[in-house]
C-alpha atoms as a PDB file:
ATOM      1  CA  MET A   1    -171.242  32.245 -26.929  1.00  0.00           C
ATOM      2  CA  GLY A   2    -168.529  33.148 -24.400  1.00  0.00           C
ATOM      3  CA  ASN A   3    -167.763  36.685 -23.428  1.00  0.00           C
ATOM      4  CA  ASN A   4    -164.350  38.364 -23.535  1.00  0.00           C
ATOM      5  CA  LYS A   5    -163.925  38.098 -19.761  1.00  0.00           C
ATOM      6  CA  SER A   6    -164.170  34.297 -19.809  1.00  0.00           C
ATOM      7  CA  GLN A   7    -161.843  34.087 -22.798  1.00  0.00           C
ATOM      8  CA  GLU A   8    -159.272  36.221 -20.951  1.00  0.00           C
ATOM      9  CA  LYS A   9    -159.443  33.939 -17.892  1.00  0.00           C
ATOM     10  CA  ARG A  10    -158.684  30.924 -20.016  1.00  0.00           C
ATOM     11  CA  LYS A  11    -155.976  32.730 -21.989  1.00  0.00           C
ATOM     12  CA  ASN A  12    -154.101  33.868 -18.859  1.00  0.00           C
ATOM     13  CA  GLN A  13    -154.324  30.599 -16.927  1.00  0.00           C
ATOM     14  CA  ILE A  14    -151.016  29.619 -15.293  1.00  0.00           C
ATOM     15  CA  VAL A  15    -150.931  25.978 -14.299  1.00  0.00           C
ATOM     16  CA  LEU A  16    -148.555  25.082 -11.476  1.00  0.00           C
ATOM     17  CA  LYS A  17    -147.223  21.789 -10.199  1.00  0.00           C
ATOM     18  CA  PRO A  18    -149.061  20.739  -7.017  1.00  0.00           C
ATOM     19  CA  ASN A  19    -146.068  21.186  -4.691  1.00  0.00           C
ATOM     20  CA  ALA A  20    -145.484  24.752  -5.969  1.00  0.00           C
ATOM     21  CA  LEU A  21    -149.150  25.606  -5.502  1.00  0.00           C
ATOM     22  CA  LYS A  22    -149.100  24.214  -1.958  1.00  0.00           C
ATOM     23  CA  ALA A  23    -146.015  26.288  -1.089  1.00  0.00           C
ATOM     24  CA  MET A  24    -147.635  29.442  -2.440  1.00  0.00           C
ATOM     25  CA  ASN A  25    -150.838  28.730  -0.492  1.00  0.00           C
ATOM     26  CA  ASP A  26    -148.654  28.382   2.626  1.00  0.00           C
ATOM     27  CA  ASN A  27    -147.127  31.848   1.907  1.00  0.00           C
ATOM     28  CA  CYS A  28    -143.759  30.363   0.977  1.00  0.00           C
ATOM     29  CA  CYS A  29    -141.514  30.718  -2.051  1.00  0.00           C
ATOM     30  CA  PRO A  30    -142.506  27.861  -4.398  1.00  0.00           C
ATOM     31  CA  VAL A  31    -138.845  27.249  -5.286  1.00  0.00           C
ATOM     32  CA  CYS A  32    -136.838  27.410  -2.041  1.00  0.00           C
ATOM     33  CA  GLY A  33    -139.648  27.322   0.560  1.00  0.00           C
ATOM     34  CA  LEU A  34    -138.613  30.550   2.333  1.00  0.00           C
ATOM     35  CA  HIS A  35    -141.618  31.998   4.184  1.00  0.00           C
ATOM     36  CA  ARG A  36    -142.969  35.264   2.766  1.00  0.00           C
ATOM     37  CA  ASP A  37    -142.318  37.109   6.058  1.00  0.00           C
ATOM     38  CA  SER A  38    -138.558  36.581   5.535  1.00  0.00           C
ATOM     39  CA  TRP A  39    -138.435  37.921   1.965  1.00  0.00           C
ATOM     40  CA  SER A  40    -136.369  41.030   1.281  1.00  0.00           C
ATOM     41  CA  ARG A  41    -138.293  41.789  -1.915  1.00  0.00           C
ATOM     42  CA  ARG A  42    -141.929  42.778  -2.427  1.00  0.00           C
ATOM     43  CA  LYS A  43    -144.382  40.399  -0.780  1.00  0.00           C
ATOM     44  CA  ASP A  44    -146.899  40.522  -3.669  1.00  0.00           C
ATOM     45  CA  TRP A  45    -144.530  38.640  -6.009  1.00  0.00           C
ATOM     46  CA  ASN A  46    -144.527  34.858  -6.457  1.00  0.00           C
ATOM     47  CA  CYS A  47    -140.928  34.206  -5.388  1.00  0.00           C
ATOM     48  CA  CYS A  48    -138.434  35.513  -2.827  1.00  0.00           C
ATOM     49  CA  SER A  49    -135.705  36.489  -5.334  1.00  0.00           C
ATOM     50  CA  THR A  50    -135.012  36.989  -9.027  1.00  0.00           C
ATOM     51  CA  ASN A  51    -133.040  33.734  -9.037  1.00  0.00           C
ATOM     52  CA  CYS A  52    -136.029  31.837  -7.618  1.00  0.00           C
ATOM     53  CA  THR A  53    -138.298  33.566 -10.148  1.00  0.00           C
ATOM     54  CA  MET A  54    -136.205  32.194 -13.042  1.00  0.00           C
ATOM     55  CA  LEU A  55    -136.285  28.719 -11.498  1.00  0.00           C
ATOM     56  CA  PHE A  56    -140.029  29.093 -10.839  1.00  0.00           C
ATOM     57  CA  TYR A  57    -140.854  29.341 -14.549  1.00  0.00           C
ATOM     58  CA  LYS A  58    -138.453  26.518 -15.360  1.00  0.00           C
ATOM     59  CA  ASN A  59    -139.397  24.043 -12.611  1.00  0.00           C
ATOM     60  CA  CYS A  60    -142.832  24.936 -11.194  1.00  0.00           C
ATOM     61  CA  VAL A  61    -144.994  26.042 -14.120  1.00  0.00           C
ATOM     62  CA  ILE A  62    -146.684  23.366 -16.197  1.00  0.00           C
ATOM     63  CA  ALA A  63    -148.147  25.826 -18.722  1.00  0.00           C
ATOM     64  CA  THR A  64    -148.705  29.572 -18.949  1.00  0.00           C
ATOM     65  CA  SER A  65    -151.865  29.307 -21.062  1.00  0.00           C
ATOM     66  CA  TRP A  66    -154.011  26.816 -22.938  1.00  0.00           C
ATOM     67  CA  GLN A  67    -152.096  27.706 -26.131  1.00  0.00           C
ATOM     68  CA  ASP A  68    -148.828  26.919 -24.354  1.00  0.00           C
ATOM     69  CA  MET A  69    -150.234  23.556 -23.193  1.00  0.00           C
ATOM     70  CA  ARG A  70    -151.424  22.743 -26.735  1.00  0.00           C
ATOM     71  CA  PHE A  71    -147.999  23.552 -28.154  1.00  0.00           C
ATOM     72  CA  GLN A  72    -146.303  21.317 -25.572  1.00  0.00           C
ATOM     73  CA  ILE A  73    -148.616  18.419 -26.472  1.00  0.00           C
ATOM     74  CA  PHE A  74    -148.104  18.894 -30.239  1.00  0.00           C
ATOM     75  CA  LYS A  75    -144.347  18.963 -29.670  1.00  0.00           C
ATOM     76  CA  ARG A  76    -144.487  15.880 -27.405  1.00  0.00           C
ATOM     77  CA  ASP A  77    -146.540  13.994 -30.008  1.00  0.00           C
ATOM     78  CA  ASN A  78    -144.091  15.007 -32.751  1.00  0.00           C
ATOM     79  CA  GLU A  79    -146.842  16.876 -34.663  1.00  0.00           C
ATOM     80  CA  THR A  80    -148.483  13.535 -35.446  1.00  0.00           C
ATOM     81  CA  CYS A  81    -152.143  12.529 -35.079  1.00  0.00           C
ATOM     82  CA  GLN A  82    -152.272   9.892 -32.355  1.00  0.00           C
ATOM     83  CA  LEU A  83    -155.100   7.974 -34.088  1.00  0.00           C
ATOM     84  CA  CYS A  84    -154.294   7.905 -37.801  1.00  0.00           C
ATOM     85  CA  GLY A  85    -150.593   8.808 -37.740  1.00  0.00           C
ATOM     86  CA  VAL A  86    -150.770  11.695 -40.214  1.00  0.00           C
ATOM     87  CA  LYS A  87    -147.965  14.222 -39.747  1.00  0.00           C
ATOM     88  CA  ALA A  88    -148.393  17.922 -40.562  1.00  0.00           C
ATOM     89  CA  SER A  89    -147.882  21.419 -39.219  1.00  0.00           C
ATOM     90  CA  TRP A  90    -149.258  21.936 -35.696  1.00  0.00           C
ATOM     91  CA  SER A  91    -151.782  24.487 -37.002  1.00  0.00           C
ATOM     92  CA  PHE A  92    -153.749  21.599 -38.587  1.00  0.00           C
ATOM     93  CA  PHE A  93    -154.220  19.713 -35.314  1.00  0.00           C
ATOM     94  CA  ASP A  94    -156.465  19.841 -32.265  1.00  0.00           C
ATOM     95  CA  CYS A  95    -155.448  19.101 -28.699  1.00  0.00           C
ATOM     96  CA  ASP A  96    -158.002  16.600 -27.431  1.00  0.00           C
ATOM     97  CA  HIS A  97    -158.804  15.317 -23.940  1.00  0.00           C
ATOM     98  CA  LYS A  98    -158.623  11.515 -24.021  1.00  0.00           C
ATOM     99  CA  GLN A  99    -161.172  11.341 -21.223  1.00  0.00           C
ATOM    100  CA  PRO A 100    -163.649  14.222 -21.616  1.00  0.00           C
ATOM    101  CA  ILE A 101    -163.653  16.780 -18.818  1.00  0.00           C
ATOM    102  CA  ALA A 102    -167.406  16.275 -18.417  1.00  0.00           C
ATOM    103  CA  ALA A 103    -166.725  12.575 -17.784  1.00  0.00           C
ATOM    104  CA  GLY A 104    -164.084  13.099 -15.108  1.00  0.00           C
ATOM    105  CA  GLY A 105    -161.002  13.865 -17.218  1.00  0.00           C
ATOM    106  CA  GLU A 106    -158.540  16.465 -15.971  1.00  0.00           C
ATOM    107  CA  MET A 107    -158.294  19.703 -17.955  1.00  0.00           C
ATOM    108  CA  TRP A 108    -154.564  20.340 -17.419  1.00  0.00           C
ATOM    109  CA  ASP A 109    -153.216  16.764 -17.163  1.00  0.00           C
ATOM    110  CA  LYS A 110    -150.733  16.170 -19.991  1.00  0.00           C
ATOM    111  CA  ASP A 111    -151.416  12.432 -19.803  1.00  0.00           C
ATOM    112  CA  ASN A 112    -155.068  13.179 -20.615  1.00  0.00           C
ATOM    113  CA  LEU A 113    -154.186  15.189 -23.746  1.00  0.00           C
ATOM    114  CA  GLN A 114    -153.403  14.020 -27.252  1.00  0.00           C
ATOM    115  CA  THR A 115    -152.817  15.446 -30.713  1.00  0.00           C
ATOM    116  CA  LEU A 116    -155.556  14.667 -33.249  1.00  0.00           C
ATOM    117  CA  CYS A 117    -156.073  15.774 -36.836  1.00  0.00           C
ATOM    118  CA  GLU A 118    -159.368  17.506 -37.597  1.00  0.00           C
ATOM    119  CA  SER A 119    -161.119  14.439 -39.039  1.00  0.00           C
ATOM    120  CA  CYS A 120    -160.037  12.114 -36.201  1.00  0.00           C
ATOM    121  CA  HIS A 121    -161.066  14.780 -33.683  1.00  0.00           C
ATOM    122  CA  LYS A 122    -164.584  14.903 -35.169  1.00  0.00           C
ATOM    123  CA  ILE A 123    -164.889  11.112 -34.920  1.00  0.00           C
ATOM    124  CA  LYS A 124    -163.597  11.091 -31.325  1.00  0.00           C
ATOM    125  CA  THR A 125    -165.953  13.925 -30.338  1.00  0.00           C
ATOM    126  CA  LYS A 126    -168.926  11.842 -31.509  1.00  0.00           C
ATOM    127  CA  SER A 127    -167.818   8.939 -29.328  1.00  0.00           C
ATOM    128  CA  ASP A 128    -167.183  11.348 -26.425  1.00  0.00           C
ATOM    129  CA  ARG A 129    -170.807  12.466 -26.582  1.00  0.00           C
ATOM    130  CA  VAL A 130    -171.920   8.901 -25.823  1.00  0.00           C
ATOM    131  CA  VAL A 131    -169.480   8.662 -22.893  1.00  0.00           C
ATOM    132  CA  ILE A 132    -170.652  12.006 -21.479  1.00  0.00           C
ATOM    133  CA  LYS A 133    -174.316  11.117 -21.971  1.00  0.00           C
ATOM    134  CA  ASN A 134    -173.842   7.886 -20.007  1.00  0.00           C
ATOM    135  CA  TYR A 135    -171.774   9.638 -17.342  1.00  0.00           C
ATOM    136  CA  ALA A 136    -173.885  12.683 -16.547  1.00  0.00           C
ATOM    137  CA  SER A 137    -177.554  13.624 -16.550  1.00  0.00           C
ATOM    138  CA  PRO A 138    -178.860  16.202 -19.063  1.00  0.00           C
ATOM    139  CA  GLU A 139    -179.283  18.692 -16.196  1.00  0.00           C
ATOM    140  CA  ASP A 140    -175.657  18.211 -15.131  1.00  0.00           C
ATOM    141  CA  ILE A 141    -174.454  18.744 -18.699  1.00  0.00           C
ATOM    142  CA  LYS A 142    -176.547  21.925 -19.021  1.00  0.00           C
ATOM    143  CA  ARG A 143    -175.066  23.219 -15.755  1.00  0.00           C
ATOM    144  CA  LEU A 144    -171.554  22.412 -16.962  1.00  0.00           C
ATOM    145  CA  LEU A 145    -172.149  24.241 -20.242  1.00  0.00           C
ATOM    146  CA  ARG A 146    -173.530  27.268 -18.340  1.00  0.00           C
ATOM    147  CA  GLU A 147    -170.402  27.374 -16.159  1.00  0.00           C
ATOM    148  CA  VAL A 148    -168.132  27.220 -19.195  1.00  0.00           C
ATOM    149  CA  GLU A 149    -170.192  29.933 -20.878  1.00  0.00           C
ATOM    150  CA  GLU A 150    -170.068  32.235 -17.842  1.00  0.00           C
ATOM    151  CA  ASP A 151    -166.572  31.574 -16.479  1.00  0.00           C
ATOM    152  CA  GLY A 152    -164.618  30.023 -19.337  1.00  0.00           C
ATOM    153  CA  TYR A 153    -164.204  26.760 -17.404  1.00  0.00           C
ATOM    154  CA  ALA A 154    -166.245  24.342 -15.319  1.00  0.00           C
ATOM    155  CA  VAL A 155    -166.152  24.786 -11.556  1.00  0.00           C
ATOM    156  CA  ARG A 156    -167.343  21.234 -10.764  1.00  0.00           C
ATOM    157  CA  ARG A 157    -167.605  18.001 -12.686  1.00  0.00           C
ATOM    158  CA  PRO A 158    -171.172  17.072 -13.725  1.00  0.00           C
ATOM    159  CA  TYR A 159    -171.220  14.105 -11.331  1.00  0.00           C
ATOM    160  CA  GLU A 160    -170.266  16.255  -8.306  1.00  0.00           C
ATOM    161  CA  SER A 161    -173.102  17.782  -6.331  1.00  0.00           C
END
């Protein structure tokens, strides 16, 4: 069972577009590209100005949390199960990874996510177990589960050494 620390990490995850992340890693404003040394505001903020900060959340952030990502996928899929077509309130659905993370799927890729009702999700999870079993060794899967348990997410894919 996960601890509160790992749950908090997952809850507060902000997912950025690759170009914004690269700019931030280069000490630049992710919106306008102005280097941090030239900022007139505090250097510990993400952007060089309040205007860039507003544009940052509009143009650079993919999701502010896993719940935000789920909501975006449910909205994109029109609150409809992508396998059986049942339509209901978003609270009755799961956000499923088409390609399991343990089998190389990307956690935060919207193209790898789909809306499934509870019964379709159970069926898909059973088929995912076969894919994962054929993709990774039992030791790799145990390591992956340990990482998720300790950190709230996997550091490496099971097939990476």
